[in-house]
Protein backbone atom coordinates (compact mmCIF):
# COMPACT_ATOMS: atom_id res chain seq x y z
CA UNK A 1 0.00 -0.07 -0.04
CA UNK A 2 2.57 2.58 1.13
CA UNK A 3 2.47 5.98 -0.63
CA UNK A 4 -0.45 4.80 -3.14
CA UNK A 5 -2.92 7.56 -3.58
CA UNK A 6 -6.28 6.60 -1.75
CA UNK A 7 -8.01 6.56 -5.38
CA UNK A 8 -5.06 5.04 -6.99
CA UNK A 9 -6.43 2.28 -9.35
CA UNK A 10 -9.26 1.85 -7.00
CA UNK A 11 -12.01 2.60 -9.74
CA UNK A 12 -10.44 -0.16 -12.13
CA UNK A 13 -10.80 -2.94 -9.64
CA UNK A 14 -13.22 -5.80 -9.69
CA UNK A 15 -15.82 -5.94 -6.83
CA UNK A 16 -13.79 -8.97 -5.66
CA UNK A 17 -10.36 -7.42 -5.71
CA UNK A 18 -11.66 -4.24 -3.89
CA UNK A 19 -13.08 -6.54 -1.35
CA UNK A 20 -10.12 -8.59 -0.76
CA UNK A 21 -7.84 -5.53 -0.53
CA UNK A 22 -10.38 -3.91 2.00
CA UNK A 23 -10.40 -7.32 4.11
CA UNK A 24 -6.28 -6.30 4.21
CA UNK A 25 -6.87 -3.07 5.02
CA UNK A 26 -9.17 -3.63 8.11
CA UNK A 27 -6.84 -6.53 9.32
CA UNK A 28 -4.15 -4.23 9.51
CA UNK A 29 -5.71 -1.38 11.00
CA UNK A 30 -7.60 -3.85 13.44
CA UNK A 31 -3.84 -5.18 14.47
CA UNK A 32 -2.95 -2.00 15.80
CA UNK A 33 0.78 -2.58 14.28
CA UNK A 34 0.64 0.29 12.00
CA UNK A 35 2.04 3.76 12.69
CA UNK A 36 -0.20 6.46 12.97
CA UNK A 37 0.59 8.23 9.93
CA UNK A 38 0.21 4.65 7.99
CA UNK A 39 -3.01 4.26 10.01
CA UNK A 40 -4.54 7.26 8.23
CA UNK A 41 -3.32 6.09 5.01
CA UNK A 42 -4.84 2.68 5.19
CA UNK A 43 -8.28 4.25 7.01
CA UNK A 44 -8.34 6.77 3.59
CA UNK A 45 -7.75 3.71 1.24
CA UNK A 46 -10.25 1.64 2.99
CA UNK A 47 -12.69 4.31 2.74
CA UNK A 48 -12.02 4.53 -1.02
CA UNK A 49 -12.60 0.78 -1.14
CA UNK A 50 -15.68 0.66 0.34
CA UNK A 51 -17.28 3.51 -1.51
CA UNK A 52 -16.20 1.53 -4.81
CA UNK A 53 -17.63 -1.58 -3.47
CA UNK A 54 -21.02 0.06 -2.64
CA UNK A 55 -21.17 1.71 -6.31
CA UNK A 56 -20.52 -1.70 -7.80
CA UNK A 57 -23.21 -3.37 -5.48
CA UNK A 58 -25.47 -0.51 -6.55
CA UNK A 59 -24.85 -0.73 -10.09
CA UNK A 60 -25.34 -4.56 -9.90
CA UNK A 61 -28.73 -4.19 -8.34
CA UNK A 62 -29.89 -1.70 -10.74
CA UNK A 63 -29.23 -4.62 -13.50
CA UNK A 64 -30.99 -7.66 -11.45
CA UNK A 65 -34.43 -8.42 -12.60
CA UNK A 66 -37.00 -10.56 -10.70
CA UNK A 67 -39.27 -12.91 -12.51
CA UNK A 68 -42.69 -11.99 -12.75
CA UNK A 69 -45.64 -14.53 -12.66
CA UNK A 70 -49.04 -14.70 -14.21
CA UNK A 71 -52.51 -15.24 -12.42
CA UNK A 72 -51.53 -19.24 -12.40
CA UNK A 73 -48.12 -18.84 -10.91
CA UNK A 74 -46.23 -19.33 -14.39
CA UNK A 75 -43.39 -17.29 -15.34
CA UNK A 76 -44.42 -14.69 -17.28
CA UNK A 77 -41.53 -12.18 -17.61
CA UNK A 78 -39.19 -10.19 -15.98
CA UNK A 79 -39.24 -6.81 -14.22
CA UNK A 80 -36.52 -4.28 -13.02
CA UNK A 81 -35.56 -5.28 -9.26
CA UNK A 82 -37.30 -2.75 -6.75
CA UNK A 83 -35.78 -3.08 -3.23
CA UNK A 84 -38.48 -1.11 -1.46
CA UNK A 85 -41.14 -3.92 -2.41
């Protein structure tokens, strides 16, 4: 991690890559072994990774479709996913 800019290449990461690095960041922060300045860098990087993961999840949710059923319970097509329903 070191001197990497907090936004450095985060926007190019897949969800899985960002989550794996976020897990590493959290583990290092929780260990308490990092000096203060590095902890701040780690926290900043973690914040960028978290925001990227949330954006990817929101984008994926917008693409999810639910199967609609007709009056007989048979599949009739699809409709956009609505998390509020």
